[in-house]
Amino acid sequence: MIATAPPEVSVRTFSWPRALVGSYDVFQLHWPESLVRHPTRLGSAVKRFLTRMLLLRLWATRTPLVRTAHNLAPHEAGDPGSGGCSLPWTGARRTGSPSTPRRSCRRARPRR
C-alpha cells in the first residue's frame, strides 16, 4: 500500500507516539486486535489504556477511523482482556457490504 500511494499522499506506519500526538488526516486500521494484544496481562492493560486514549483523540479531533476488514474473525484467540475476538467499536460507523456483521466476534453459524 505504501509503495502504491500517489505522491500527494503521505503514508505513515503505526507507532503509539505518532498515533497519540502525531499529525494525520485519517487513521486506517487493518488489525484492531493488535492494538490491545500483548503477551502479558500488564502489557495488555497498558495497550487497552493507550487504545482508549487513541479513540478519545480520534473522537475529539474528528479524525476518520477506517477499518479494513480482512477476515470476519481473527486468526488467533486473544487473551481474556483483549476484547474477545474483535473490538466492537471498529464497526460503529462503516461503509461496505451490508452483509458484513457489525461485530466480528459473532460466531459464524453453520448452515443447515
PDB file of N, CA and C in Angstrom:
ATOM      1  N   MET A   1       0.822  -1.185   0.000  1.00  0.00           N
ATOM      2  CA  MET A   1       0.000   0.000   0.000  1.00  0.00           C
ATOM      3  C   MET A   1       0.868   1.251   0.000  1.00  0.00           C
ATOM      4  N   ILE A   2       1.915   1.249   0.789  1.00  0.00           N
ATOM      5  CA  ILE A   2       2.751   2.440   0.875  1.00  0.00           C
ATOM      6  C   ILE A   2       3.398   2.759  -0.464  1.00  0.00           C
ATOM      7  N   ALA A   3       3.914   1.737  -1.135  1.00  0.00           N
ATOM      8  CA  ALA A   3       4.608   1.952  -2.408  1.00  0.00           C
ATOM      9  C   ALA A   3       3.663   2.399  -3.516  1.00  0.00           C
ATOM     10  N   THR A   4       2.385   2.051  -3.421  1.00  0.00           N
ATOM     11  CA  THR A   4       1.446   2.391  -4.488  1.00  0.00           C
ATOM     12  C   THR A   4       0.664   3.676  -4.219  1.00  0.00           C
ATOM     13  N   ALA A   5       0.921   4.323  -3.096  1.00  0.00           N
ATOM     14  CA  ALA A   5       0.203   5.572  -2.789  1.00  0.00           C
ATOM     15  C   ALA A   5       0.637   6.668  -3.751  1.00  0.00           C
ATOM     16  N   PRO A   6      -0.309   7.503  -4.179  1.00  0.00           N
ATOM     17  CA  PRO A   6       0.055   8.625  -5.054  1.00  0.00           C
ATOM     18  C   PRO A   6       1.012   9.577  -4.340  1.00  0.00           C
ATOM     19  N   PRO A   7       1.787  10.346  -5.081  1.00  0.00           N
ATOM     20  CA  PRO A   7       2.791  11.229  -4.469  1.00  0.00           C
ATOM     21  C   PRO A   7       2.214  12.250  -3.483  1.00  0.00           C
ATOM     22  N   GLU A   8       0.964  12.648  -3.680  1.00  0.00           N
ATOM     23  CA  GLU A   8       0.377  13.642  -2.770  1.00  0.00           C
ATOM     24  C   GLU A   8      -0.105  13.040  -1.458  1.00  0.00           C
ATOM     25  N   VAL A   9      -0.022  11.724  -1.313  1.00  0.00           N
ATOM     26  CA  VAL A   9      -0.441  11.041  -0.085  1.00  0.00           C
ATOM     27  C   VAL A   9       0.792  10.614   0.694  1.00  0.00           C
ATOM     28  N   SER A  10       0.839  11.003   1.941  1.00  0.00           N
ATOM     29  CA  SER A  10       1.937  10.612   2.825  1.00  0.00           C
ATOM     30  C   SER A  10       1.430   9.517   3.755  1.00  0.00           C
ATOM     31  N   VAL A  11       1.956   8.300   3.582  1.00  0.00           N
ATOM     32  CA  VAL A  11       1.544   7.168   4.405  1.00  0.00           C
ATOM     33  C   VAL A  11       2.550   7.003   5.530  1.00  0.00           C
ATOM     34  N   ARG A  12       2.037   6.894   6.744  1.00  0.00           N
ATOM     35  CA  ARG A  12       2.900   6.699   7.913  1.00  0.00           C
ATOM     36  C   ARG A  12       2.507   5.392   8.586  1.00  0.00           C
ATOM     37  N   THR A  13       3.495   4.640   8.990  1.00  0.00           N
ATOM     38  CA  THR A  13       3.209   3.395   9.693  1.00  0.00           C
ATOM     39  C   THR A  13       2.885   3.690  11.156  1.00  0.00           C
ATOM     40  N   PHE A  14       2.274   2.704  11.818  1.00  0.00           N
ATOM     41  CA  PHE A  14       1.794   2.905  13.172  1.00  0.00           C
ATOM     42  C   PHE A  14       2.912   2.927  14.207  1.00  0.00           C
ATOM     43  N   SER A  15       2.788   3.852  15.131  1.00  0.00           N
ATOM     44  CA  SER A  15       3.560   3.861  16.381  1.00  0.00           C
ATOM     45  C   SER A  15       2.662   4.541  17.402  1.00  0.00           C
ATOM     46  N   TRP A  16       2.772   4.134  18.647  1.00  0.00           N
ATOM     47  CA  TRP A  16       1.917   4.760  19.669  1.00  0.00           C
ATOM     48  C   TRP A  16       2.162   6.257  19.803  1.00  0.00           C
ATOM     49  N   PRO A  17       3.416   6.730  19.832  1.00  0.00           N
ATOM     50  CA  PRO A  17       3.599   8.187  19.928  1.00  0.00           C
ATOM     51  C   PRO A  17       2.952   8.936  18.756  1.00  0.00           C
ATOM     52  N   ARG A  18       3.128   8.413  17.547  1.00  0.00           N
ATOM     53  CA  ARG A  18       2.533   9.075  16.374  1.00  0.00           C
ATOM     54  C   ARG A  18       1.004   9.019  16.454  1.00  0.00           C
ATOM     55  N   ALA A  19       0.463   7.889  16.882  1.00  0.00           N
ATOM     56  CA  ALA A  19      -0.992   7.763  16.968  1.00  0.00           C
ATOM     57  C   ALA A  19      -1.585   8.735  17.976  1.00  0.00           C
ATOM     58  N   LEU A  20      -0.894   8.926  19.103  1.00  0.00           N
ATOM     59  CA  LEU A  20      -1.452   9.753  20.174  1.00  0.00           C
ATOM     60  C   LEU A  20      -1.192  11.241  20.016  1.00  0.00           C
ATOM     61  N   VAL A  21      -0.057  11.627  19.436  1.00  0.00           N
ATOM     62  CA  VAL A  21       0.244  13.064  19.346  1.00  0.00           C
ATOM     63  C   VAL A  21       0.677  13.511  17.953  1.00  0.00           C
ATOM     64  N   GLY A  22       0.741  12.591  16.994  1.00  0.00           N
ATOM     65  CA  GLY A  22       1.172  12.941  15.643  1.00  0.00           C
ATOM     66  C   GLY A  22       0.081  13.648  14.859  1.00  0.00           C
ATOM     67  N   SER A  23       0.441  14.060  13.668  1.00  0.00           N
ATOM     68  CA  SER A  23      -0.489  14.753  12.785  1.00  0.00           C
ATOM     69  C   SER A  23      -0.869  13.823  11.628  1.00  0.00           C
ATOM     70  N   TYR A  24      -2.170  13.618  11.451  1.00  0.00           N
ATOM     71  CA  TYR A  24      -2.654  12.807  10.333  1.00  0.00           C
ATOM     72  C   TYR A  24      -4.106  13.161  10.067  1.00  0.00           C
ATOM     73  N   ASP A  25      -4.553  12.884   8.852  1.00  0.00           N
ATOM     74  CA  ASP A  25      -5.918  13.214   8.435  1.00  0.00           C
ATOM     75  C   ASP A  25      -6.887  12.054   8.608  1.00  0.00           C
ATOM     76  N   VAL A  26      -6.395  10.830   8.468  1.00  0.00           N
ATOM     77  CA  VAL A  26      -7.222   9.622   8.548  1.00  0.00           C
ATOM     78  C   VAL A  26      -6.423   8.575   9.304  1.00  0.00           C
ATOM     79  N   PHE A  27      -7.113   7.798  10.136  1.00  0.00           N
ATOM     80  CA  PHE A  27      -6.476   6.686  10.838  1.00  0.00           C
ATOM     81  C   PHE A  27      -7.033   5.402  10.242  1.00  0.00           C
ATOM     82  N   GLN A  28      -6.189   4.657   9.508  1.00  0.00           N
ATOM     83  CA  GLN A  28      -6.626   3.399   8.908  1.00  0.00           C
ATOM     84  C   GLN A  28      -6.104   2.246   9.745  1.00  0.00           C
ATOM     85  N   LEU A  29      -7.017   1.347  10.078  1.00  0.00           N
ATOM     86  CA  LEU A  29      -6.705   0.243  10.974  1.00  0.00           C
ATOM     87  C   LEU A  29      -6.968  -1.074  10.263  1.00  0.00           C
ATOM     88  N   HIS A  30      -5.915  -1.880  10.129  1.00  0.00           N
ATOM     89  CA  HIS A  30      -6.059  -3.174   9.474  1.00  0.00           C
ATOM     90  C   HIS A  30      -6.362  -4.293  10.465  1.00  0.00           C
ATOM     91  N   TRP A  31      -5.688  -4.326  11.574  1.00  0.00           N
ATOM     92  CA  TRP A  31      -5.822  -5.409  12.539  1.00  0.00           C
ATOM     93  C   TRP A  31      -6.105  -4.805  13.911  1.00  0.00           C
ATOM     94  N   PRO A  32      -7.367  -4.538  14.259  1.00  0.00           N
ATOM     95  CA  PRO A  32      -7.674  -3.874  15.521  1.00  0.00           C
ATOM     96  C   PRO A  32      -7.208  -4.646  16.749  1.00  0.00           C
ATOM     97  N   GLU A  33      -7.154  -5.976  16.662  1.00  0.00           N
ATOM     98  CA  GLU A  33      -6.727  -6.773  17.807  1.00  0.00           C
ATOM     99  C   GLU A  33      -5.294  -6.443  18.217  1.00  0.00           C
ATOM    100  N   SER A  34      -4.472  -6.031  17.238  1.00  0.00           N
ATOM    101  CA  SER A  34      -3.068  -5.735  17.546  1.00  0.00           C
ATOM    102  C   SER A  34      -2.920  -4.528  18.470  1.00  0.00           C
ATOM    103  N   LEU A  35      -3.950  -3.685  18.543  1.00  0.00           N
ATOM    104  CA  LEU A  35      -3.869  -2.527  19.435  1.00  0.00           C
ATOM    105  C   LEU A  35      -3.910  -2.927  20.901  1.00  0.00           C
ATOM    106  N   VAL A  36      -4.526  -4.053  21.231  1.00  0.00           N
ATOM    107  CA  VAL A  36      -4.708  -4.415  22.635  1.00  0.00           C
ATOM    108  C   VAL A  36      -4.027  -5.718  23.043  1.00  0.00           C
ATOM    109  N   ARG A  37      -3.528  -6.468  22.114  1.00  0.00           N
ATOM    110  CA  ARG A  37      -2.901  -7.748  22.464  1.00  0.00           C
ATOM    111  C   ARG A  37      -1.457  -7.571  22.891  1.00  0.00           C
ATOM    112  N   HIS A  38      -1.103  -8.308  23.915  1.00  0.00           N
ATOM    113  CA  HIS A  38       0.269  -8.324  24.428  1.00  0.00           C
ATOM    114  C   HIS A  38       0.444  -9.644  25.169  1.00  0.00           C
ATOM    115  N   PRO A  39       1.657 -10.183  25.219  1.00  0.00           N
ATOM    116  CA  PRO A  39       1.849 -11.474  25.894  1.00  0.00           C
ATOM    117  C   PRO A  39       1.591 -11.451  27.398  1.00  0.00           C
ATOM    118  N   THR A  40       1.654 -10.289  28.027  1.00  0.00           N
ATOM    119  CA  THR A  40       1.440 -10.228  29.474  1.00  0.00           C
ATOM    120  C   THR A  40       0.161  -9.470  29.792  1.00  0.00           C
ATOM    121  N   ARG A  41      -0.412  -9.740  30.959  1.00  0.00           N
ATOM    122  CA  ARG A  41      -1.627  -9.022  31.374  1.00  0.00           C
ATOM    123  C   ARG A  41      -1.346  -7.532  31.562  1.00  0.00           C
ATOM    124  N   LEU A  42      -0.194  -7.204  32.136  1.00  0.00           N
ATOM    125  CA  LEU A  42       0.148  -5.795  32.328  1.00  0.00           C
ATOM    126  C   LEU A  42       0.282  -5.094  30.975  1.00  0.00           C
ATOM    127  N   GLY A  43       0.965  -5.743  30.042  1.00  0.00           N
ATOM    128  CA  GLY A  43       1.111  -5.157  28.707  1.00  0.00           C
ATOM    129  C   GLY A  43      -0.234  -4.957  28.032  1.00  0.00           C
ATOM    130  N   SER A  44      -1.132  -5.941  28.176  1.00  0.00           N
ATOM    131  CA  SER A  44      -2.473  -5.819  27.607  1.00  0.00           C
ATOM    132  C   SER A  44      -3.231  -4.663  28.253  1.00  0.00           C
ATOM    133  N   ALA A  45      -3.091  -4.510  29.559  1.00  0.00           N
ATOM    134  CA  ALA A  45      -3.774  -3.409  30.260  1.00  0.00           C
ATOM    135  C   ALA A  45      -3.255  -2.061  29.768  1.00  0.00           C
ATOM    136  N   VAL A  46      -1.948  -1.942  29.604  1.00  0.00           N
ATOM    137  CA  VAL A  46      -1.359  -0.692  29.109  1.00  0.00           C
ATOM    138  C   VAL A  46      -1.862  -0.408  27.693  1.00  0.00           C
ATOM    139  N   LYS A  47      -1.878  -1.439  26.840  1.00  0.00           N
ATOM    140  CA  LYS A  47      -2.326  -1.238  25.463  1.00  0.00           C
ATOM    141  C   LYS A  47      -3.813  -0.895  25.394  1.00  0.00           C
ATOM    142  N   ARG A  48      -4.634  -1.465  26.284  1.00  0.00           N
ATOM    143  CA  ARG A  48      -6.051  -1.091  26.325  1.00  0.00           C
ATOM    144  C   ARG A  48      -6.206   0.371  26.724  1.00  0.00           C
ATOM    145  N   PHE A  49      -5.409   0.818  27.694  1.00  0.00           N
ATOM    146  CA  PHE A  49      -5.446   2.226  28.097  1.00  0.00           C
ATOM    147  C   PHE A  49      -5.031   3.126  26.926  1.00  0.00           C
ATOM    148  N   LEU A  50      -3.949   2.776  26.255  1.00  0.00           N
ATOM    149  CA  LEU A  50      -3.489   3.568  25.108  1.00  0.00           C
ATOM    150  C   LEU A  50      -4.550   3.595  24.003  1.00  0.00           C
ATOM    151  N   THR A  51      -5.214   2.470  23.795  1.00  0.00           N
ATOM    152  CA  THR A  51      -6.267   2.417  22.778  1.00  0.00           C
ATOM    153  C   THR A  51      -7.421   3.339  23.148  1.00  0.00           C
ATOM    154  N   ARG A  52      -7.785   3.364  24.419  1.00  0.00           N
ATOM    155  CA  ARG A  52      -8.844   4.294  24.851  1.00  0.00           C
ATOM    156  C   ARG A  52      -8.432   5.748  24.617  1.00  0.00           C
ATOM    157  N   MET A  53      -7.171   6.060  24.887  1.00  0.00           N
ATOM    158  CA  MET A  53      -6.680   7.419  24.649  1.00  0.00           C
ATOM    159  C   MET A  53      -6.685   7.739  23.153  1.00  0.00           C
ATOM    160  N   LEU A  54      -6.312   6.764  22.349  1.00  0.00           N
ATOM    161  CA  LEU A  54      -6.344   6.966  20.900  1.00  0.00           C
ATOM    162  C   LEU A  54      -7.762   7.219  20.420  1.00  0.00           C
ATOM    163  N   LEU A  55      -8.716   6.420  20.884  1.00  0.00           N
ATOM    164  CA  LEU A  55     -10.109   6.620  20.475  1.00  0.00           C
ATOM    165  C   LEU A  55     -10.640   7.975  20.921  1.00  0.00           C
ATOM    166  N   LEU A  56     -10.259   8.390  22.116  1.00  0.00           N
ATOM    167  CA  LEU A  56     -10.652   9.712  22.602  1.00  0.00           C
ATOM    168  C   LEU A  56     -10.065  10.799  21.711  1.00  0.00           C
ATOM    169  N   ARG A  57      -8.816  10.638  21.344  1.00  0.00           N
ATOM    170  CA  ARG A  57      -8.167  11.614  20.473  1.00  0.00           C
ATOM    171  C   ARG A  57      -8.847  11.657  19.097  1.00  0.00           C
ATOM    172  N   LEU A  58      -9.142  10.473  18.516  1.00  0.00           N
ATOM    173  CA  LEU A  58      -9.812  10.440  17.213  1.00  0.00           C
ATOM    174  C   LEU A  58     -11.178  11.110  17.298  1.00  0.00           C
ATOM    175  N   TRP A  59     -11.907  10.843  18.388  1.00  0.00           N
ATOM    176  CA  TRP A  59     -13.214  11.459  18.574  1.00  0.00           C
ATOM    177  C   TRP A  59     -13.089  12.972  18.736  1.00  0.00           C
ATOM    178  N   ALA A  60     -12.169  13.419  19.581  1.00  0.00           N
ATOM    179  CA  ALA A  60     -12.025  14.854  19.872  1.00  0.00           C
ATOM    180  C   ALA A  60     -11.576  15.644  18.647  1.00  0.00           C
ATOM    181  N   THR A  61     -10.740  15.041  17.811  1.00  0.00           N
ATOM    182  CA  THR A  61     -10.233  15.736  16.623  1.00  0.00           C
ATOM    183  C   THR A  61     -11.084  15.451  15.388  1.00  0.00           C
ATOM    184  N   ARG A  62     -12.116  14.620  15.559  1.00  0.00           N
ATOM    185  CA  ARG A  62     -12.998  14.242  14.458  1.00  0.00           C
ATOM    186  C   ARG A  62     -12.226  13.608  13.307  1.00  0.00           C
ATOM    187  N   THR A  63     -11.192  12.850  13.657  1.00  0.00           N
ATOM    188  CA  THR A  63     -10.382  12.163  12.658  1.00  0.00           C
ATOM    189  C   THR A  63     -11.103  10.887  12.232  1.00  0.00           C
ATOM    190  N   PRO A  64     -11.306  10.698  10.943  1.00  0.00           N
ATOM    191  CA  PRO A  64     -11.980   9.484  10.492  1.00  0.00           C
ATOM    192  C   PRO A  64     -11.167   8.225  10.822  1.00  0.00           C
ATOM    193  N   LEU A  65     -11.875   7.191  11.246  1.00  0.00           N
ATOM    194  CA  LEU A  65     -11.276   5.889  11.517  1.00  0.00           C
ATOM    195  C   LEU A  65     -11.762   4.938  10.431  1.00  0.00           C
ATOM    196  N   VAL A  66     -10.827   4.407   9.670  1.00  0.00           N
ATOM    197  CA  VAL A  66     -11.152   3.472   8.597  1.00  0.00           C
ATOM    198  C   VAL A  66     -10.621   2.116   9.007  1.00  0.00           C
ATOM    199  N   ARG A  67     -11.511   1.138   9.091  1.00  0.00           N
ATOM    200  CA  ARG A  67     -11.086  -0.219   9.422  1.00  0.00           C
ATOM    201  C   ARG A  67     -11.183  -1.079   8.175  1.00  0.00           C
ATOM    202  N   THR A  68     -10.072  -1.692   7.816  1.00  0.00           N
ATOM    203  CA  THR A  68     -10.057  -2.618   6.697  1.00  0.00           C
ATOM    204  C   THR A  68     -10.321  -4.007   7.253  1.00  0.00           C
ATOM    205  N   ALA A  69     -11.422  -4.613   6.848  1.00  0.00           N
ATOM    206  CA  ALA A  69     -11.791  -5.940   7.347  1.00  0.00           C
ATOM    207  C   ALA A  69     -11.237  -6.997   6.400  1.00  0.00           C
ATOM    208  N   HIS A  70     -10.226  -7.694   6.859  1.00  0.00           N
ATOM    209  CA  HIS A  70      -9.629  -8.764   6.065  1.00  0.00           C
ATOM    210  C   HIS A  70     -10.360 -10.082   6.300  1.00  0.00           C
ATOM    211  N   ASN A  71     -10.785 -10.308   7.528  1.00  0.00           N
ATOM    212  CA  ASN A  71     -11.456 -11.546   7.916  1.00  0.00           C
ATOM    213  C   ASN A  71     -12.586 -11.205   8.875  1.00  0.00           C
ATOM    214  N   LEU A  72     -13.580 -12.071   8.966  1.00  0.00           N
ATOM    215  CA  LEU A  72     -14.663 -11.840   9.905  1.00  0.00           C
ATOM    216  C   LEU A  72     -14.257 -12.175  11.328  1.00  0.00           C
ATOM    217  N   ALA A  73     -13.234 -13.001  11.507  1.00  0.00           N
ATOM    218  CA  ALA A  73     -12.739 -13.362  12.837  1.00  0.00           C
ATOM    219  C   ALA A  73     -11.222 -13.367  12.787  1.00  0.00           C
ATOM    220  N   PRO A  74     -10.565 -13.058  13.897  1.00  0.00           N
ATOM    221  CA  PRO A  74      -9.103 -13.042  13.908  1.00  0.00           C
ATOM    222  C   PRO A  74      -8.529 -14.450  13.761  1.00  0.00           C
ATOM    223  N   HIS A  75      -7.268 -14.509  13.381  1.00  0.00           N
ATOM    224  CA  HIS A  75      -6.584 -15.792  13.203  1.00  0.00           C
ATOM    225  C   HIS A  75      -6.263 -16.453  14.531  1.00  0.00           C
ATOM    226  N   GLU A  76      -5.963 -15.651  15.542  1.00  0.00           N
ATOM    227  CA  GLU A  76      -5.589 -16.186  16.848  1.00  0.00           C
ATOM    228  C   GLU A  76      -6.612 -15.746  17.880  1.00  0.00           C
ATOM    229  N   ALA A  77      -6.764 -16.579  18.909  1.00  0.00           N
ATOM    230  CA  ALA A  77      -7.614 -16.192  20.032  1.00  0.00           C
ATOM    231  C   ALA A  77      -6.835 -15.208  20.896  1.00  0.00           C
ATOM    232  N   GLY A  78      -7.493 -14.172  21.360  1.00  0.00           N
ATOM    233  CA  GLY A  78      -6.846 -13.193  22.212  1.00  0.00           C
ATOM    234  C   GLY A  78      -6.927 -13.600  23.670  1.00  0.00           C
ATOM    235  N   ASP A  79      -6.180 -12.888  24.508  1.00  0.00           N
ATOM    236  CA  ASP A  79      -6.291 -13.152  25.937  1.00  0.00           C
ATOM    237  C   ASP A  79      -7.628 -12.621  26.425  1.00  0.00           C
ATOM    238  N   PRO A  80      -8.098 -13.058  27.588  1.00  0.00           N
ATOM    239  CA  PRO A  80      -9.432 -12.662  28.059  1.00  0.00           C
ATOM    240  C   PRO A  80      -9.633 -11.161  28.140  1.00  0.00           C
ATOM    241  N   GLY A  81      -8.575 -10.389  28.366  1.00  0.00           N
ATOM    242  CA  GLY A  81      -8.731  -8.946  28.481  1.00  0.00           C
ATOM    243  C   GLY A  81      -8.544  -8.201  27.184  1.00  0.00           C
ATOM    244  N   SER A  82      -8.384  -8.904  26.073  1.00  0.00           N
ATOM    245  CA  SER A  82      -8.077  -8.219  24.821  1.00  0.00           C
ATOM    246  C   SER A  82      -9.316  -7.759  24.067  1.00  0.00           C
ATOM    247  N   GLY A  83     -10.479  -7.941  24.649  1.00  0.00           N
ATOM    248  CA  GLY A  83     -11.679  -7.521  23.957  1.00  0.00           C
ATOM    249  C   GLY A  83     -12.321  -8.663  23.199  1.00  0.00           C
ATOM    250  N   GLY A  84     -11.941  -9.876  23.524  1.00  0.00           N
ATOM    251  CA  GLY A  84     -12.528 -11.023  22.846  1.00  0.00           C
ATOM    252  C   GLY A  84     -11.947 -11.207  21.471  1.00  0.00           C
ATOM    253  N   CYS A  85     -12.761 -11.616  20.550  1.00  0.00           N
ATOM    254  CA  CYS A  85     -12.261 -11.923  19.224  1.00  0.00           C
ATOM    255  C   CYS A  85     -12.191 -10.692  18.336  1.00  0.00           C
ATOM    256  N   SER A  86     -12.760  -9.597  18.749  1.00  0.00           N
ATOM    257  CA  SER A  86     -12.722  -8.379  17.955  1.00  0.00           C
ATOM    258  C   SER A  86     -12.985  -7.187  18.857  1.00  0.00           C
ATOM    259  N   LEU A  87     -12.868  -6.016  18.291  1.00  0.00           N
ATOM    260  CA  LEU A  87     -13.170  -4.794  19.025  1.00  0.00           C
ATOM    261  C   LEU A  87     -14.426  -4.196  18.434  1.00  0.00           C
ATOM    262  N   PRO A  88     -15.532  -4.216  19.176  1.00  0.00           N
ATOM    263  CA  PRO A  88     -16.803  -3.789  18.604  1.00  0.00           C
ATOM    264  C   PRO A  88     -16.821  -2.342  18.144  1.00  0.00           C
ATOM    265  N   TRP A  89     -16.001  -1.470  18.698  1.00  0.00           N
ATOM    266  CA  TRP A  89     -16.036  -0.062  18.315  1.00  0.00           C
ATOM    267  C   TRP A  89     -15.566   0.157  16.888  1.00  0.00           C
ATOM    268  N   THR A  90     -14.890  -0.821  16.294  1.00  0.00           N
ATOM    269  CA  THR A  90     -14.380  -0.620  14.941  1.00  0.00           C
ATOM    270  C   THR A  90     -15.472  -0.676  13.890  1.00  0.00           C
ATOM    271  N   GLY A  91     -16.680  -1.111  14.248  1.00  0.00           N
ATOM    272  CA  GLY A  91     -17.753  -1.201  13.273  1.00  0.00           C
ATOM    273  C   GLY A  91     -18.886  -0.232  13.543  1.00  0.00           C
ATOM    274  N   ALA A  92     -18.659   0.767  14.388  1.00  0.00           N
ATOM    275  CA  ALA A  92     -19.733   1.676  14.780  1.00  0.00           C
ATOM    276  C   ALA A  92     -20.320   2.419  13.581  1.00  0.00           C
ATOM    277  N   ARG A  93     -19.480   2.991  12.778  1.00  0.00           N
ATOM    278  CA  ARG A  93     -19.930   3.645  11.554  1.00  0.00           C
ATOM    279  C   ARG A  93     -19.070   3.084  10.447  1.00  0.00           C
ATOM    280  N   ARG A  94     -19.701   2.483   9.456  1.00  0.00           N
ATOM    281  CA  ARG A  94     -18.893   1.858   8.430  1.00  0.00           C
ATOM    282  C   ARG A  94     -19.592   1.939   7.091  1.00  0.00           C
ATOM    283  N   THR A  95     -18.804   1.712   6.058  1.00  0.00           N
ATOM    284  CA  THR A  95     -19.359   1.587   4.725  1.00  0.00           C
ATOM    285  C   THR A  95     -18.988   0.203   4.232  1.00  0.00           C
ATOM    286  N   GLY A  96     -19.580  -0.212   3.178  1.00  0.00           N
ATOM    287  CA  GLY A  96     -19.244  -1.517   2.631  1.00  0.00           C
ATOM    288  C   GLY A  96     -20.461  -2.410   2.573  1.00  0.00           C
ATOM    289  N   SER A  97     -20.217  -3.672   2.507  1.00  0.00           N
ATOM    290  CA  SER A  97     -21.276  -4.653   2.333  1.00  0.00           C
ATOM    291  C   SER A  97     -22.200  -4.694   3.541  1.00  0.00           C
ATOM    292  N   PRO A  98     -23.504  -4.607   3.327  1.00  0.00           N
ATOM    293  CA  PRO A  98     -24.429  -4.687   4.451  1.00  0.00           C
ATOM    294  C   PRO A  98     -24.466  -6.078   5.075  1.00  0.00           C
ATOM    295  N   SER A  99     -23.907  -7.072   4.389  1.00  0.00           N
ATOM    296  CA  SER A  99     -23.903  -8.422   4.946  1.00  0.00           C
ATOM    297  C   SER A  99     -22.766  -8.636   5.940  1.00  0.00           C
ATOM    298  N   THR A 100     -21.854  -7.679   6.030  1.00  0.00           N
ATOM    299  CA  THR A 100     -20.766  -7.795   6.990  1.00  0.00           C
ATOM    300  C   THR A 100     -21.305  -7.531   8.386  1.00  0.00           C
ATOM    301  N   PRO A 101     -21.092  -8.447   9.337  1.00  0.00           N
ATOM    302  CA  PRO A 101     -21.616  -8.230  10.688  1.00  0.00           C
ATOM    303  C   PRO A 101     -21.036  -6.979  11.327  1.00  0.00           C
ATOM    304  N   ARG A 102     -21.826  -6.317  12.153  1.00  0.00           N
ATOM    305  CA  ARG A 102     -21.339  -5.149  12.883  1.00  0.00           C
ATOM    306  C   ARG A 102     -20.229  -5.530  13.838  1.00  0.00           C
ATOM    307  N   ARG A 103     -20.335  -6.685  14.448  1.00  0.00           N
ATOM    308  CA  ARG A 103     -19.323  -7.117  15.400  1.00  0.00           C
ATOM    309  C   ARG A 103     -18.703  -8.402  14.888  1.00  0.00           C
ATOM    310  N   SER A 104     -17.401  -8.361  14.674  1.00  0.00           N
ATOM    311  CA  SER A 104     -16.722  -9.517  14.120  1.00  0.00           C
ATOM    312  C   SER A 104     -16.727 -10.696  15.067  1.00  0.00           C
ATOM    313  N   CYS A 105     -17.021 -10.500  16.346  1.00  0.00           N
ATOM    314  CA  CYS A 105     -16.948 -11.627  17.256  1.00  0.00           C
ATOM    315  C   CYS A 105     -18.222 -12.449  17.271  1.00  0.00           C
ATOM    316  N   ARG A 106     -19.173 -12.135  16.446  1.00  0.00           N
ATOM    317  CA  ARG A 106     -20.313 -13.030  16.298  1.00  0.00           C
ATOM    318  C   ARG A 106     -19.802 -14.307  15.664  1.00  0.00           C
ATOM    319  N   ARG A 107     -20.132 -15.383  16.244  1.00  0.00           N
ATOM    320  CA  ARG A 107     -19.672 -16.664  15.727  1.00  0.00           C
ATOM    321  C   ARG A 107     -20.468 -17.023  14.476  1.00  0.00           C
ATOM    322  N   ALA A 108     -19.756 -17.469  13.478  1.00  0.00           N
ATOM    323  CA  ALA A 108     -20.444 -17.923  12.263  1.00  0.00           C
ATOM    324  C   ALA A 108     -21.172 -19.211  12.584  1.00  0.00           C
ATOM    325  N   ARG A 109     -22.427 -19.273  12.240  1.00  0.00           N
ATOM    326  CA  ARG A 109     -23.213 -20.475  12.486  1.00  0.00           C
ATOM    327  C   ARG A 109     -23.237 -21.308  11.217  1.00  0.00           C
ATOM    328  N   PRO A 110     -23.070 -22.602  11.370  1.00  0.00           N
ATOM    329  CA  PRO A 110     -23.114 -23.446  10.166  1.00  0.00           C
ATOM    330  C   PRO A 110     -24.508 -23.420   9.540  1.00  0.00           C
ATOM    331  N   ARG A 111     -24.529 -23.484   8.234  1.00  0.00           N
ATOM    332  CA  ARG A 111     -25.811 -23.508   7.526  1.00  0.00           C
ATOM    333  C   ARG A 111     -26.451 -24.864   7.698  1.00  0.00           C
ATOM    334  N   ARG A 112     -27.759 -24.871   7.805  1.00  0.00           N
ATOM    335  CA  ARG A 112     -28.490 -26.140   7.969  1.00  0.00           C
ATOM    336  C   ARG A 112     -29.213 -26.493   6.717  1.00  0.00           C
TER     337      ARG A 112
END
